[in-house]
């Protein structure tokens, strides 16, 4: 099974350190799966590592495979979150 973030607070702090680095570029694939969860949490959105995994598998969340490991950029994560927006339809089906 995948790694679980036991201390989300420290993971959020790690993400904020990365984002505050002088050479940080939001287009570069900087975040691992726990980092994506923490990035979303820092923005007030709750997601799980499983949701990140399957969004990538389904092609909803763009990822980069580097040295055999998946990494995500902040801009790709934000585009994924924005892309999950749904508008209701008539008849109550959404």
Protein backbone atom coordinates (compact mmCIF):
# COMPACT_ATOMS: atom_id res chain seq x y z
CA UNK A 1 0.00 0.00 0.00
CA UNK A 2 1.11 3.58 -0.55
CA UNK A 3 2.66 5.86 1.99
CA UNK A 4 0.20 7.61 4.28
CA UNK A 5 0.74 11.13 5.55
CA UNK A 6 0.56 10.63 9.30
CA UNK A 7 1.38 14.20 10.14
CA UNK A 8 -0.39 16.38 7.60
CA UNK A 9 0.66 19.54 9.43
CA UNK A 10 4.36 18.83 8.89
CA UNK A 11 3.66 17.91 5.25
CA UNK A 12 1.84 21.24 4.74
CA UNK A 13 4.82 23.02 6.31
CA UNK A 14 7.17 21.18 3.91
CA UNK A 15 5.02 22.24 0.95
CA UNK A 16 5.03 25.85 2.10
CA UNK A 17 8.84 25.75 2.40
CA UNK A 18 9.07 24.48 -1.18
CA UNK A 19 6.69 27.18 -2.42
CA UNK A 20 8.64 29.92 -0.60
CA UNK A 21 12.02 28.89 -2.04
CA UNK A 22 13.61 31.65 -4.15
CA UNK A 23 13.89 29.50 -7.30
CA UNK A 24 10.43 27.91 -6.98
CA UNK A 25 8.61 27.50 -10.30
CA UNK A 26 4.94 26.37 -10.10
CA UNK A 27 5.26 24.74 -13.54
CA UNK A 28 7.98 22.31 -12.44
CA UNK A 29 6.93 18.87 -11.10
CA UNK A 30 7.98 19.45 -7.50
CA UNK A 31 5.41 17.55 -5.44
CA UNK A 32 5.03 13.86 -4.60
CA UNK A 33 1.62 12.39 -3.75
CA UNK A 34 1.65 13.44 -0.06
CA UNK A 35 2.80 16.87 -1.22
CA UNK A 36 -0.22 17.17 -3.53
CA UNK A 37 -2.52 16.28 -0.63
CA UNK A 38 -0.80 18.89 1.55
CA UNK A 39 -0.92 21.50 -1.22
CA UNK A 40 -4.66 20.98 -1.59
CA UNK A 41 -5.12 21.03 2.19
CA UNK A 42 -3.23 24.33 2.41
CA UNK A 43 -5.76 25.73 -0.08
CA UNK A 44 -8.72 24.44 1.94
CA UNK A 45 -9.52 21.43 -0.27
CA UNK A 46 -9.54 17.94 1.22
CA UNK A 47 -8.27 15.16 -1.05
CA UNK A 48 -6.68 11.80 -0.36
CA UNK A 49 -3.57 10.20 -1.80
CA UNK A 50 -5.89 7.64 -3.38
CA UNK A 51 -7.84 10.41 -5.13
CA UNK A 52 -4.56 11.83 -6.49
CA UNK A 53 -3.48 8.39 -7.68
CA UNK A 54 -6.70 7.64 -9.54
CA UNK A 55 -7.03 11.17 -10.97
CA UNK A 56 -3.61 10.62 -12.52
CA UNK A 57 -4.48 7.14 -13.78
CA UNK A 58 -7.73 8.43 -15.29
CA UNK A 59 -5.89 11.30 -16.98
CA UNK A 60 -7.70 14.00 -15.02
CA UNK A 61 -4.53 15.15 -13.24
CA UNK A 62 -1.40 15.63 -15.34
CA UNK A 63 1.73 14.07 -13.87
CA UNK A 64 5.42 13.69 -14.70
CA UNK A 65 7.30 10.44 -14.28
CA UNK A 66 10.83 11.18 -13.11
CA UNK A 67 13.22 8.38 -12.17
CA UNK A 68 10.30 5.97 -11.97
CA UNK A 69 8.25 8.15 -9.60
CA UNK A 70 5.28 10.38 -10.28
CA UNK A 71 5.58 14.08 -9.54
CA UNK A 72 3.12 16.94 -9.97
CA UNK A 73 3.44 20.68 -10.48
CA UNK A 74 1.40 23.18 -8.52
CA UNK A 75 -0.17 24.52 -11.71
CA UNK A 76 -1.25 21.01 -12.79
CA UNK A 77 -2.82 20.42 -9.36
CA UNK A 78 -4.68 23.74 -9.52
CA UNK A 79 -5.88 22.98 -13.05
CA UNK A 80 -7.16 19.61 -11.81
CA UNK A 81 -9.03 21.24 -8.92
CA UNK A 82 -10.56 23.83 -11.25
CA UNK A 83 -11.49 21.09 -13.72
CA UNK A 84 -13.59 19.24 -11.15
CA UNK A 85 -16.20 22.01 -11.19
CA UNK A 86 -19.67 20.77 -12.08
CA UNK A 87 -22.72 22.81 -13.01
CA UNK A 88 -26.12 21.39 -12.10
CA UNK A 89 -28.60 20.36 -14.76
CA UNK A 90 -32.38 20.46 -14.92
CA UNK A 91 -34.16 17.67 -13.16
CA UNK A 92 -31.74 17.55 -10.25
CA UNK A 93 -29.11 15.37 -11.97
CA UNK A 94 -25.58 16.69 -11.62
